[in-house]
Amino acid sequence: MTLAALGAWLALRDAASPGTPVGPAPRAAPGTLPAGTGPAAPAPVAGQADAEERPVDEGRHSDPSALGALEPPRLRVEFVDEAGRPVEGAVEVEIRGRPALGEGFVSPPRFAARGPRVERELPFPHRVPDDGPIQLAARAARLYGEAGVQPLAPSSGAWERVVLRATSTVTGSVLDARGDPLEGVPILLRDDVPGREAHTRTATDAAGRFTLEALPGRANRLFVGDAAYPWVRAIPIDAAQGPRELEPIRVELHTARFQVLRADGVPARGARLEGIGLEGGRFALELDEEGRATVRTLLAGRWRVNASDAEHGRASRAVEIPLATDEPVLFLLPR
């Protein structure tokens, strides 16, 4: 074969092999294998390249429980009395949150433990260690205390100290206008903030007597019957004055009967009856099979009473207590 024929044959071979680079192959670097002679590279996994190139989204791990899953901060508290002596025995502890986030920003966790030293893993909303102290309240036998405590690392050997001070006993009685004892009357102590949970609560016994504990360092107000609509003016209690016996609390209660009918005259059985007294007191109950109810704890004065049924509507009346008649107060629902 002549040189011209050989060149033509090589040209035709190259044209029949698309994608084959023209010209001599690049020389491999010393110590390396020529291209295509080494082991095959593994096939890429779907999404692998994106995952390798995508920056880590740290916001996905902003959950403090995820960041501190290995060693979340703990509550480590030592309870002592006013003399500095360890408080032994049962302790009721309430975690109230942090002042910066507002009191009651989560439902306050409560738990029982045995003193004087209590160590416990903090619930999730309280685990961030840099948000300041956690507000804590604790009760033991006739002792109470509040303090701000700092969350501590599990490796820390420190203990936060909380002083519990003696509570003061408040006793008294509730009598009717004739001097007879009233049993089952709700009695509670709380501060002056409307809607705030009671410090402690009880009810009068068969002799009309009650006993409560006033808390040190708190504004204690005693409410009779109902905190939102008290039967008498709230009574201030100073725990620093020690045990206190109150004068008998007298209330004049009256009885009234009510009946609720639908528009067609049929008794509205199961309907709800609610009342609020302008001089204090309130009630809420369901009507019996005849659409009737009797209330025996009404203070004298004007009352606003509402009868309601989801299917048959609502009716309201102003009622003056005591009633001038023994007949039931009648409500007629609109439908």
C-alpha atoms as a PDB file:
ATOM      1  CA  MET A   1       0.000   0.000   0.000  1.00  0.00           C
ATOM      2  CA  THR A   2       1.308   3.412  -0.949  1.00  0.00           C
ATOM      3  CA  LEU A   3       1.644   6.223   1.503  1.00  0.00           C
ATOM      4  CA  ALA A   4      -1.233   8.107  -0.159  1.00  0.00           C
ATOM      5  CA  ALA A   5      -3.562   5.128   0.134  1.00  0.00           C
ATOM      6  CA  LEU A   6      -2.597   4.609   3.785  1.00  0.00           C
ATOM      7  CA  GLY A   7      -3.428   8.246   4.622  1.00  0.00           C
ATOM      8  CA  ALA A   8      -6.838   7.976   2.935  1.00  0.00           C
ATOM      9  CA  TRP A   9      -7.654   4.785   4.875  1.00  0.00           C
ATOM     10  CA  LEU A  10      -6.790   6.442   8.228  1.00  0.00           C
ATOM     11  CA  ALA A  11      -8.987   9.449   7.396  1.00  0.00           C
ATOM     12  CA  LEU A  12     -11.976   7.222   6.613  1.00  0.00           C
ATOM     13  CA  ARG A  13     -11.489   5.285   9.902  1.00  0.00           C
ATOM     14  CA  ASP A  14     -11.491   8.505  11.958  1.00  0.00           C
ATOM     15  CA  ALA A  15     -14.629   9.782  10.250  1.00  0.00           C
ATOM     16  CA  ALA A  16     -16.451   6.522  11.043  1.00  0.00           C
ATOM     17  CA  SER A  17     -15.682   6.887  14.819  1.00  0.00           C
ATOM     18  CA  PRO A  18     -17.509  10.045  16.089  1.00  0.00           C
ATOM     19  CA  GLY A  19     -16.354  11.436  19.418  1.00  0.00           C
ATOM     20  CA  THR A  20     -12.835  10.082  19.002  1.00  0.00           C
ATOM     21  CA  PRO A  21     -10.369  12.916  19.529  1.00  0.00           C
ATOM     22  CA  VAL A  22      -8.241  13.757  16.523  1.00  0.00           C
ATOM     23  CA  GLY A  23      -4.541  13.810  17.055  1.00  0.00           C
ATOM     24  CA  PRO A  24      -2.271  12.065  19.437  1.00  0.00           C
ATOM     25  CA  ALA A  25      -3.539  11.193  22.904  1.00  0.00           C
ATOM     26  CA  PRO A  26      -2.179  13.361  25.767  1.00  0.00           C
ATOM     27  CA  ARG A  27       0.779  11.811  27.514  1.00  0.00           C
ATOM     28  CA  ALA A  28       0.022  10.706  31.085  1.00  0.00           C
ATOM     29  CA  ALA A  29       1.958  12.258  33.955  1.00  0.00           C
ATOM     30  CA  PRO A  30       4.822  10.154  35.306  1.00  0.00           C
ATOM     31  CA  GLY A  31       3.607   7.574  37.860  1.00  0.00           C
ATOM     32  CA  THR A  32      -0.045   7.620  36.728  1.00  0.00           C
ATOM     33  CA  LEU A  33      -2.100   5.264  34.636  1.00  0.00           C
ATOM     34  CA  PRO A  34      -3.199   6.270  31.172  1.00  0.00           C
ATOM     35  CA  ALA A  35      -6.789   7.477  30.971  1.00  0.00           C
ATOM     36  CA  GLY A  36      -9.321   4.675  30.795  1.00  0.00           C
ATOM     37  CA  THR A  37      -7.015   1.967  32.180  1.00  0.00           C
ATOM     38  CA  GLY A  38      -7.798   2.413  35.930  1.00  0.00           C
ATOM     39  CA  PRO A  39     -10.764   1.050  37.912  1.00  0.00           C
ATOM     40  CA  ALA A  40     -14.183   2.469  37.031  1.00  0.00           C
ATOM     41  CA  ALA A  41     -15.335   5.406  39.230  1.00  0.00           C
ATOM     42  CA  PRO A  42     -18.461   4.655  41.329  1.00  0.00           C
ATOM     43  CA  ALA A  43     -21.713   5.936  39.909  1.00  0.00           C
ATOM     44  CA  PRO A  44     -22.923   9.078  41.742  1.00  0.00           C
ATOM     45  CA  VAL A  45     -25.822   8.607  44.166  1.00  0.00           C
ATOM     46  CA  ALA A  46     -28.943  10.634  43.347  1.00  0.00           C
ATOM     47  CA  GLY A  47     -28.819  13.974  45.186  1.00  0.00           C
ATOM     48  CA  GLN A  48     -25.284  13.385  46.442  1.00  0.00           C
ATOM     49  CA  ALA A  49     -23.740  16.216  44.451  1.00  0.00           C
ATOM     50  CA  ASP A  50     -26.438  18.630  45.671  1.00  0.00           C
ATOM     51  CA  ALA A  51     -25.906  17.568  49.263  1.00  0.00           C
ATOM     52  CA  GLU A  52     -22.152  18.045  48.983  1.00  0.00           C
ATOM     53  CA  GLU A  53     -22.425  21.483  47.422  1.00  0.00           C
ATOM     54  CA  ARG A  54     -25.359  22.778  49.506  1.00  0.00           C
ATOM     55  CA  PRO A  55     -24.287  24.729  52.622  1.00  0.00           C
ATOM     56  CA  VAL A  56     -25.420  23.346  55.963  1.00  0.00           C
ATOM     57  CA  ASP A  57     -28.638  24.982  57.160  1.00  0.00           C
ATOM     58  CA  GLU A  58     -27.909  25.599  60.807  1.00  0.00           C
ATOM     59  CA  GLY A  59     -31.422  26.896  61.342  1.00  0.00           C
ATOM     60  CA  ARG A  60     -32.725  23.358  61.092  1.00  0.00           C
ATOM     61  CA  HIS A  61     -30.903  22.598  64.320  1.00  0.00           C
ATOM     62  CA  SER A  62     -32.067  25.658  66.256  1.00  0.00           C
ATOM     63  CA  ASP A  63     -34.074  23.395  68.563  1.00  0.00           C
ATOM     64  CA  PRO A  64     -32.192  23.635  71.890  1.00  0.00           C
ATOM     65  CA  SER A  65     -33.076  20.021  72.695  1.00  0.00           C
ATOM     66  CA  ALA A  66     -31.287  18.930  69.487  1.00  0.00           C
ATOM     67  CA  LEU A  67     -28.203  21.068  70.131  1.00  0.00           C
ATOM     68  CA  GLY A  68     -27.964  20.028  73.752  1.00  0.00           C
ATOM     69  CA  ALA A  69     -29.156  16.451  73.375  1.00  0.00           C
ATOM     70  CA  LEU A  70     -25.903  15.108  74.799  1.00  0.00           C
ATOM     71  CA  GLU A  71     -25.686  17.321  77.885  1.00  0.00           C
ATOM     72  CA  PRO A  72     -28.779  19.503  78.383  1.00  0.00           C
ATOM     73  CA  PRO A  73     -28.524  21.910  81.320  1.00  0.00           C
ATOM     74  CA  ARG A  74     -29.998  20.707  84.590  1.00  0.00           C
ATOM     75  CA  LEU A  75     -31.756  22.088  87.618  1.00  0.00           C
ATOM     76  CA  ARG A  76     -29.503  21.550  90.642  1.00  0.00           C
ATOM     77  CA  VAL A  77     -30.952  23.103  93.804  1.00  0.00           C
ATOM     78  CA  GLU A  78     -30.295  22.823  97.514  1.00  0.00           C
ATOM     79  CA  PHE A  79     -33.208  23.786  99.820  1.00  0.00           C
ATOM     80  CA  VAL A  80     -32.500  25.283 103.246  1.00  0.00           C
ATOM     81  CA  ASP A  81     -34.603  27.003 105.893  1.00  0.00           C
ATOM     82  CA  GLU A  82     -34.073  30.526 107.233  1.00  0.00           C
ATOM     83  CA  ALA A  83     -31.406  29.242 109.653  1.00  0.00           C
ATOM     84  CA  GLY A  84     -29.483  27.627 106.786  1.00  0.00           C
ATOM     85  CA  ARG A  85     -30.424  24.077 107.800  1.00  0.00           C
ATOM     86  CA  PRO A  86     -31.119  21.556 105.002  1.00  0.00           C
ATOM     87  CA  VAL A  87     -34.804  20.942 104.338  1.00  0.00           C
ATOM     88  CA  GLU A  88     -35.360  17.183 104.459  1.00  0.00           C
ATOM     89  CA  GLY A  89     -38.386  15.302 103.176  1.00  0.00           C
ATOM     90  CA  ALA A  90     -40.903  15.941 100.416  1.00  0.00           C
ATOM     91  CA  VAL A  91     -40.645  19.134  98.357  1.00  0.00           C
ATOM     92  CA  GLU A  92     -43.156  20.306  95.739  1.00  0.00           C
ATOM     93  CA  VAL A  93     -41.335  22.242  93.005  1.00  0.00           C
ATOM     94  CA  GLU A  94     -42.820  24.501  90.317  1.00  0.00           C
ATOM     95  CA  ILE A  95     -40.769  25.883  87.398  1.00  0.00           C
ATOM     96  CA  ARG A  96     -42.371  29.140  86.286  1.00  0.00           C
ATOM     97  CA  GLY A  97     -40.188  30.293  83.393  1.00  0.00           C
ATOM     98  CA  ARG A  98     -37.826  33.215  82.847  1.00  0.00           C
ATOM     99  CA  PRO A  99     -38.635  36.876  83.551  1.00  0.00           C
ATOM    100  CA  ALA A 100     -37.443  37.956  80.091  1.00  0.00           C
ATOM    101  CA  LEU A 101     -40.000  35.711  78.420  1.00  0.00           C
ATOM    102  CA  GLY A 102     -42.824  36.649  80.735  1.00  0.00           C
ATOM    103  CA  GLU A 103     -44.355  34.662  83.560  1.00  0.00           C
ATOM    104  CA  GLY A 104     -46.499  31.791  82.365  1.00  0.00           C
ATOM    105  CA  PHE A 105     -45.072  31.676  78.825  1.00  0.00           C
ATOM    106  CA  VAL A 106     -45.462  27.898  79.052  1.00  0.00           C
ATOM    107  CA  SER A 107     -47.504  25.701  81.301  1.00  0.00           C
ATOM    108  CA  PRO A 108     -45.446  25.625  84.507  1.00  0.00           C
ATOM    109  CA  PRO A 109     -43.926  22.153  85.056  1.00  0.00           C
ATOM    110  CA  ARG A 110     -44.449  20.781  88.549  1.00  0.00           C
ATOM    111  CA  PHE A 111     -42.871  17.776  90.185  1.00  0.00           C
ATOM    112  CA  ALA A 112     -42.362  16.211  93.597  1.00  0.00           C
ATOM    113  CA  ALA A 113     -38.915  15.421  94.978  1.00  0.00           C
ATOM    114  CA  ARG A 114     -37.109  14.791  98.230  1.00  0.00           C
ATOM    115  CA  GLY A 115     -34.763  17.360  99.699  1.00  0.00           C
ATOM    116  CA  PRO A 116     -32.492  18.860 100.574  1.00  0.00           C
ATOM    117  CA  ARG A 117     -30.756  18.477  97.181  1.00  0.00           C
ATOM    118  CA  VAL A 118     -32.783  18.112  93.994  1.00  0.00           C
ATOM    119  CA  GLU A 119     -31.284  17.500  90.568  1.00  0.00           C
ATOM    120  CA  ARG A 120     -33.478  17.236  87.501  1.00  0.00           C
ATOM    121  CA  GLU A 121     -33.174  17.621  83.742  1.00  0.00           C
ATOM    122  CA  LEU A 122     -34.909  20.795  82.617  1.00  0.00           C
ATOM    123  CA  PRO A 123     -37.929  20.542  80.291  1.00  0.00           C
ATOM    124  CA  PHE A 124     -37.358  21.745  76.727  1.00  0.00           C
ATOM    125  CA  PRO A 125     -38.574  25.409  76.944  1.00  0.00           C
ATOM    126  CA  HIS A 126     -36.107  26.107  79.780  1.00  0.00           C
ATOM    127  CA  ARG A 127     -32.925  24.523  78.366  1.00  0.00           C
ATOM    128  CA  VAL A 128     -31.272  27.569  76.778  1.00  0.00           C
ATOM    129  CA  PRO A 129     -28.603  28.445  79.369  1.00  0.00           C
ATOM    130  CA  ASP A 130     -27.973  32.069  78.347  1.00  0.00           C
ATOM    131  CA  ASP A 131     -31.501  33.433  78.861  1.00  0.00           C
ATOM    132  CA  GLY A 132     -31.030  34.280  82.523  1.00  0.00           C
ATOM    133  CA  PRO A 133     -32.256  32.565  85.699  1.00  0.00           C
ATOM    134  CA  ILE A 134     -35.340  30.380  85.899  1.00  0.00           C
ATOM    135  CA  GLN A 135     -38.022  31.394  88.389  1.00  0.00           C
ATOM    136  CA  LEU A 136     -38.667  28.574  90.800  1.00  0.00           C
ATOM    137  CA  ALA A 137     -41.156  28.135  93.671  1.00  0.00           C
ATOM    138  CA  ALA A 138     -41.036  25.341  96.241  1.00  0.00           C
ATOM    139  CA  ARG A 139     -43.145  24.101  99.153  1.00  0.00           C
ATOM    140  CA  ALA A 140     -42.209  21.785 101.970  1.00  0.00           C
ATOM    141  CA  ALA A 141     -43.930  21.102 105.295  1.00  0.00           C
ATOM    142  CA  ARG A 142     -45.141  24.600 106.303  1.00  0.00           C
ATOM    143  CA  LEU A 143     -42.284  26.168 104.338  1.00  0.00           C
ATOM    144  CA  TYR A 144     -42.326  28.140 101.097  1.00  0.00           C
ATOM    145  CA  GLY A 145     -39.790  29.963  98.969  1.00  0.00           C
ATOM    146  CA  GLU A 146     -39.210  31.534  95.558  1.00  0.00           C
ATOM    147  CA  ALA A 147     -35.932  32.295  93.795  1.00  0.00           C
ATOM    148  CA  GLY A 148     -34.254  32.719  90.443  1.00  0.00           C
ATOM    149  CA  VAL A 149     -31.873  29.834  89.755  1.00  0.00           C
ATOM    150  CA  GLN A 150     -29.396  29.443  86.913  1.00  0.00           C
ATOM    151  CA  PRO A 151     -29.406  26.247  84.786  1.00  0.00           C
ATOM    152  CA  LEU A 152     -26.167  24.321  85.328  1.00  0.00           C
ATOM    153  CA  ALA A 153     -24.182  21.958  83.130  1.00  0.00           C
ATOM    154  CA  PRO A 154     -24.237  18.292  84.241  1.00  0.00           C
ATOM    155  CA  SER A 155     -20.479  18.435  84.767  1.00  0.00           C
ATOM    156  CA  SER A 156     -20.777  21.400  87.141  1.00  0.00           C
ATOM    157  CA  GLY A 157     -20.309  20.672  90.811  1.00  0.00           C
ATOM    158  CA  ALA A 158     -22.234  23.790  91.909  1.00  0.00           C
ATOM    159  CA  TRP A 159     -25.649  23.861  93.602  1.00  0.00           C
ATOM    160  CA  GLU A 160     -28.094  26.788  93.557  1.00  0.00           C
ATOM    161  CA  ARG A 161     -29.440  27.536  97.047  1.00  0.00           C
ATOM    162  CA  VAL A 162     -33.118  28.349  97.691  1.00  0.00           C
ATOM    163  CA  VAL A 163     -34.283  29.518 101.125  1.00  0.00           C
ATOM    164  CA  LEU A 164     -37.711  28.300 102.310  1.00  0.00           C
ATOM    165  CA  ARG A 165     -39.446  30.409 104.951  1.00  0.00           C
ATOM    166  CA  ALA A 166     -42.255  29.535 107.354  1.00  0.00           C
ATOM    167  CA  THR A 167     -45.835  30.010 106.182  1.00  0.00           C
ATOM    168  CA  SER A 168     -48.529  31.495 108.445  1.00  0.00           C
ATOM    169  CA  THR A 169     -51.780  29.732 109.336  1.00  0.00           C
ATOM    170  CA  VAL A 170     -55.035  31.586 108.724  1.00  0.00           C
ATOM    171  CA  THR A 171     -58.217  30.197 110.292  1.00  0.00           C
ATOM    172  CA  GLY A 172     -61.781  31.424 110.304  1.00  0.00           C
ATOM    173  CA  SER A 173     -65.437  30.541 109.782  1.00  0.00           C
ATOM    174  CA  VAL A 174     -68.283  31.467 107.446  1.00  0.00           C
ATOM    175  CA  LEU A 175     -71.789  31.917 108.893  1.00  0.00           C
ATOM    176  CA  ASP A 176     -75.147  32.861 107.427  1.00  0.00           C
ATOM    177  CA  ALA A 177     -77.242  35.830 108.543  1.00  0.00           C
ATOM    178  CA  ARG A 178     -78.701  33.797 111.457  1.00  0.00           C
ATOM    179  CA  GLY A 179     -75.258  32.649 112.644  1.00  0.00           C
ATOM    180  CA  ASP A 180     -75.540  29.106 111.318  1.00  0.00           C
ATOM    181  CA  PRO A 181     -72.416  27.587 109.744  1.00  0.00           C
ATOM    182  CA  LEU A 182     -72.168  27.323 105.966  1.00  0.00           C
ATOM    183  CA  GLU A 183     -70.551  24.150 104.677  1.00  0.00           C
ATOM    184  CA  GLY A 184     -68.704  23.793 101.372  1.00  0.00           C
ATOM    185  CA  VAL A 185     -68.019  27.495 100.790  1.00  0.00           C
ATOM    186  CA  PRO A 186     -64.871  27.925  98.616  1.00  0.00           C
ATOM    187  CA  ILE A 187     -62.073  29.875 100.345  1.00  0.00           C
ATOM    188  CA  LEU A 188     -58.819  30.830  98.639  1.00  0.00           C
ATOM    189  CA  LEU A 189     -55.728  32.992  98.975  1.00  0.00           C
ATOM    190  CA  ARG A 190     -54.127  34.739  95.993  1.00  0.00           C
ATOM    191  CA  ASP A 191     -52.550  38.084  95.133  1.00  0.00           C
ATOM    192  CA  ASP A 192     -54.269  41.163  93.673  1.00  0.00           C
ATOM    193  CA  VAL A 193     -53.734  40.275  89.998  1.00  0.00           C
ATOM    194  CA  PRO A 194     -57.085  39.227  88.440  1.00  0.00           C
ATOM    195  CA  GLY A 195     -56.999  35.736  87.000  1.00  0.00           C
ATOM    196  CA  ARG A 196     -53.822  34.761  88.858  1.00  0.00           C
ATOM    197  CA  GLU A 197     -53.800  31.233  90.224  1.00  0.00           C
ATOM    198  CA  ALA A 198     -54.529  30.853  93.932  1.00  0.00           C
ATOM    199  CA  HIS A 199     -51.662  30.353  96.374  1.00  0.00           C
ATOM    200  CA  THR A 200     -53.800  27.857  98.274  1.00  0.00           C
ATOM    201  CA  ARG A 201     -57.496  26.984  98.476  1.00  0.00           C
ATOM    202  CA  THR A 202     -59.930  25.000 100.598  1.00  0.00           C
ATOM    203  CA  ALA A 203     -63.633  24.847 101.527  1.00  0.00           C
ATOM    204  CA  THR A 204     -65.491  25.244 104.816  1.00  0.00           C
ATOM    205  CA  ASP A 205     -66.300  22.099 106.790  1.00  0.00           C
ATOM    206  CA  ALA A 206     -69.576  21.140 108.437  1.00  0.00           C
ATOM    207  CA  ALA A 207     -68.895  23.669 111.214  1.00  0.00           C
ATOM    208  CA  GLY A 208     -68.213  26.410 108.663  1.00  0.00           C
ATOM    209  CA  ARG A 209     -64.495  26.401 109.569  1.00  0.00           C
ATOM    210  CA  PHE A 210     -61.490  26.730 107.259  1.00  0.00           C
ATOM    211  CA  THR A 211     -57.697  26.762 107.541  1.00  0.00           C
ATOM    212  CA  LEU A 212     -55.252  28.134 104.953  1.00  0.00           C
ATOM    213  CA  GLU A 213     -51.537  28.904 104.769  1.00  0.00           C
ATOM    214  CA  ALA A 214     -50.439  32.441 103.863  1.00  0.00           C
ATOM    215  CA  LEU A 215     -47.174  32.499 101.906  1.00  0.00           C
ATOM    216  CA  PRO A 216     -44.166  34.605 102.972  1.00  0.00           C
ATOM    217  CA  GLY A 217     -43.075  37.283 100.533  1.00  0.00           C
ATOM    218  CA  ARG A 218     -46.397  37.287  98.687  1.00  0.00           C
ATOM    219  CA  ALA A 219     -49.393  39.639  98.685  1.00  0.00           C
ATOM    220  CA  ASN A 220     -52.080  37.414 100.229  1.00  0.00           C
ATOM    221  CA  ARG A 221     -55.752  38.271  99.757  1.00  0.00           C
ATOM    222  CA  LEU A 222     -58.470  35.995 101.138  1.00  0.00           C
ATOM    223  CA  PHE A 223     -61.517  35.503  98.910  1.00  0.00           C
ATOM    224  CA  VAL A 224     -64.802  33.938 100.000  1.00  0.00           C
ATOM    225  CA  GLY A 225     -67.130  32.134  97.612  1.00  0.00           C
ATOM    226  CA  ASP A 226     -65.536  33.230  94.335  1.00  0.00           C
ATOM    227  CA  ALA A 227     -62.295  35.050  93.487  1.00  0.00           C
ATOM    228  CA  ALA A 228     -63.718  36.901  90.476  1.00  0.00           C
ATOM    229  CA  TYR A 229     -67.045  37.776  92.180  1.00  0.00           C
ATOM    230  CA  PRO A 230     -66.322  37.452  95.939  1.00  0.00           C
ATOM    231  CA  TRP A 231     -69.128  37.217  98.454  1.00  0.00           C
ATOM    232  CA  VAL A 232     -67.439  39.791 100.705  1.00  0.00           C
ATOM    233  CA  ARG A 233     -64.638  42.289 100.210  1.00  0.00           C
ATOM    234  CA  ALA A 234     -61.237  40.566  99.899  1.00  0.00           C
ATOM    235  CA  ILE A 235     -59.388  40.363 103.232  1.00  0.00           C
ATOM    236  CA  PRO A 236     -55.631  41.241 103.196  1.00  0.00           C
ATOM    237  CA  ILE A 237     -53.396  38.786 105.050  1.00  0.00           C
ATOM    238  CA  ASP A 238     -49.804  39.569 106.078  1.00  0.00           C
ATOM    239  CA  ALA A 239     -47.860  36.333 106.521  1.00  0.00           C
ATOM    240  CA  ALA A 240     -45.176  38.195 108.491  1.00  0.00           C
ATOM    241  CA  GLN A 241     -47.660  38.710 111.352  1.00  0.00           C
ATOM    242  CA  GLY A 242     -47.761  34.990 112.095  1.00  0.00           C
ATOM    243  CA  PRO A 243     -50.834  32.816 112.687  1.00  0.00           C
ATOM    244  CA  ARG A 244     -54.118  34.675 112.499  1.00  0.00           C
ATOM    245  CA  GLU A 245     -57.706  33.909 113.550  1.00  0.00           C
ATOM    246  CA  LEU A 246     -60.245  35.922 111.580  1.00  0.00           C
ATOM    247  CA  GLU A 247     -63.515  37.253 112.875  1.00  0.00           C
ATOM    248  CA  PRO A 248     -66.496  35.159 111.719  1.00  0.00           C
ATOM    249  CA  ILE A 249     -67.417  36.067 108.130  1.00  0.00           C
ATOM    250  CA  ARG A 250     -71.169  36.537 107.786  1.00  0.00           C
ATOM    251  CA  VAL A 251     -72.988  36.347 104.470  1.00  0.00           C
ATOM    252  CA  GLU A 252     -76.694  36.614 103.703  1.00  0.00           C
ATOM    253  CA  LEU A 253     -77.622  33.960 101.168  1.00  0.00           C
ATOM    254  CA  HIS A 254     -80.978  33.470  99.459  1.00  0.00           C
ATOM    255  CA  THR A 255     -82.656  30.763  97.388  1.00  0.00           C
ATOM    256  CA  ALA A 256     -84.355  31.147  94.015  1.00  0.00           C
ATOM    257  CA  ARG A 257     -85.956  28.720  91.578  1.00  0.00           C
ATOM    258  CA  PHE A 258     -85.739  28.986  87.796  1.00  0.00           C
ATOM    259  CA  GLN A 259     -87.490  27.337  84.858  1.00  0.00           C
ATOM    260  CA  VAL A 260     -86.629  27.526  81.140  1.00  0.00           C
ATOM    261  CA  LEU A 261     -89.016  26.690  78.301  1.00  0.00           C
ATOM    262  CA  ARG A 262     -88.528  26.463  74.553  1.00  0.00           C
ATOM    263  CA  ALA A 263     -90.632  28.611  72.228  1.00  0.00           C
ATOM    264  CA  ASP A 264     -93.144  25.743  71.841  1.00  0.00           C
ATOM    265  CA  GLY A 265     -93.570  25.523  75.627  1.00  0.00           C
ATOM    266  CA  VAL A 266     -91.556  22.318  76.062  1.00  0.00           C
ATOM    267  CA  PRO A 267     -89.133  22.326  79.038  1.00  0.00           C
ATOM    268  CA  ALA A 268     -85.556  23.033  77.925  1.00  0.00           C
ATOM    269  CA  ARG A 269     -83.969  20.082  79.681  1.00  0.00           C
ATOM    270  CA  GLY A 270     -80.158  20.147  79.705  1.00  0.00           C
ATOM    271  CA  ALA A 271     -80.036  23.861  78.891  1.00  0.00           C
ATOM    272  CA  ARG A 272     -77.418  25.918  80.740  1.00  0.00           C
ATOM    273  CA  LEU A 273     -78.226  28.542  83.352  1.00  0.00           C
ATOM    274  CA  GLU A 274     -75.628  31.138  84.422  1.00  0.00           C
ATOM    275  CA  GLY A 275     -75.844  34.104  86.766  1.00  0.00           C
ATOM    276  CA  ILE A 276     -73.600  36.923  88.001  1.00  0.00           C
ATOM    277  CA  GLY A 277     -74.465  39.083  91.018  1.00  0.00           C
ATOM    278  CA  LEU A 278     -73.665  42.795  90.947  1.00  0.00           C
ATOM    279  CA  GLU A 279     -72.921  42.580  94.687  1.00  0.00           C
ATOM    280  CA  GLY A 280     -70.852  39.421  94.266  1.00  0.00           C
ATOM    281  CA  GLY A 281     -71.277  35.742  93.564  1.00  0.00           C
ATOM    282  CA  ARG A 282     -71.973  33.705  90.435  1.00  0.00           C
ATOM    283  CA  PHE A 283     -73.301  30.297  89.472  1.00  0.00           C
ATOM    284  CA  ALA A 284     -73.441  27.988  86.448  1.00  0.00           C
ATOM    285  CA  LEU A 285     -75.418  24.745  86.145  1.00  0.00           C
ATOM    286  CA  GLU A 286     -77.531  22.574  83.840  1.00  0.00           C
ATOM    287  CA  LEU A 287     -81.311  22.288  84.067  1.00  0.00           C
ATOM    288  CA  ASP A 288     -83.028  19.040  85.031  1.00  0.00           C
ATOM    289  CA  GLU A 289     -85.490  16.985  82.953  1.00  0.00           C
ATOM    290  CA  GLU A 290     -88.248  19.562  83.593  1.00  0.00           C
ATOM    291  CA  GLY A 291     -86.050  22.513  82.643  1.00  0.00           C
ATOM    292  CA  ARG A 292     -85.819  23.595  86.292  1.00  0.00           C
ATOM    293  CA  ALA A 293     -83.012  24.537  88.700  1.00  0.00           C
ATOM    294  CA  THR A 294     -82.766  25.738  92.303  1.00  0.00           C
ATOM    295  CA  VAL A 295     -79.878  27.956  93.476  1.00  0.00           C
ATOM    296  CA  ARG A 296     -79.339  28.443  97.232  1.00  0.00           C
ATOM    297  CA  THR A 297     -76.217  30.644  97.258  1.00  0.00           C
ATOM    298  CA  LEU A 298     -77.494  33.987  95.969  1.00  0.00           C
ATOM    299  CA  LEU A 299     -76.399  37.213  97.628  1.00  0.00           C
ATOM    300  CA  ALA A 300     -78.940  39.976  98.041  1.00  0.00           C
ATOM    301  CA  GLY A 301     -79.045  42.478  95.184  1.00  0.00           C
ATOM    302  CA  ARG A 302     -79.412  42.547  91.408  1.00  0.00           C
ATOM    303  CA  TRP A 303     -78.431  39.561  89.309  1.00  0.00           C
ATOM    304  CA  ARG A 304     -78.077  39.052  85.559  1.00  0.00           C
ATOM    305  CA  VAL A 305     -79.193  35.518  84.686  1.00  0.00           C
ATOM    306  CA  ASN A 306     -78.819  33.907  81.254  1.00  0.00           C
ATOM    307  CA  ALA A 307     -80.423  30.731  79.936  1.00  0.00           C
ATOM    308  CA  SER A 308     -78.961  29.209  76.780  1.00  0.00           C
ATOM    309  CA  ASP A 309     -79.334  26.178  74.545  1.00  0.00           C
ATOM    310  CA  ALA A 310     -77.321  25.572  71.366  1.00  0.00           C
ATOM    311  CA  GLU A 311     -80.426  24.513  69.444  1.00  0.00           C
ATOM    312  CA  HIS A 312     -83.076  26.800  70.905  1.00  0.00           C
ATOM    313  CA  GLY A 313     -81.229  30.078  71.546  1.00  0.00           C
ATOM    314  CA  ARG A 314     -80.607  32.325  74.514  1.00  0.00           C
ATOM    315  CA  ALA A 315     -82.667  34.425  76.933  1.00  0.00           C
ATOM    316  CA  SER A 316     -81.584  36.879  79.668  1.00  0.00           C
ATOM    317  CA  ARG A 317     -83.277  38.523  82.644  1.00  0.00           C
ATOM    318  CA  ALA A 318     -82.366  40.919  85.439  1.00  0.00           C
ATOM    319  CA  VAL A 319     -83.452  39.412  88.749  1.00  0.00           C
ATOM    320  CA  GLU A 320     -83.723  41.110  92.131  1.00  0.00           C
ATOM    321  CA  ILE A 321     -82.745  38.893  95.087  1.00  0.00           C
ATOM    322  CA  PRO A 322     -84.502  38.092  97.378  1.00  0.00           C
ATOM    323  CA  LEU A 323     -87.481  37.362  95.160  1.00  0.00           C
ATOM    324  CA  ALA A 324     -90.836  38.887  96.003  1.00  0.00           C
ATOM    325  CA  THR A 325     -92.604  35.603  95.199  1.00  0.00           C
ATOM    326  CA  ASP A 326     -92.001  31.896  95.573  1.00  0.00           C
ATOM    327  CA  GLU A 327     -92.839  31.247  91.921  1.00  0.00           C
ATOM    328  CA  PRO A 328     -89.909  30.207  89.699  1.00  0.00           C
ATOM    329  CA  VAL A 329     -88.284  32.836  87.481  1.00  0.00           C
ATOM    330  CA  LEU A 330     -89.384  31.913  83.942  1.00  0.00           C
ATOM    331  CA  PHE A 331     -87.202  32.086  80.796  1.00  0.00           C
ATOM    332  CA  LEU A 332     -88.572  31.557  77.258  1.00  0.00           C
ATOM    333  CA  LEU A 333     -86.000  30.630  74.629  1.00  0.00           C
ATOM    334  CA  PRO A 334     -86.581  32.270  71.197  1.00  0.00           C
ATOM    335  CA  ARG A 335     -86.816  29.046  69.142  1.00  0.00           C
END
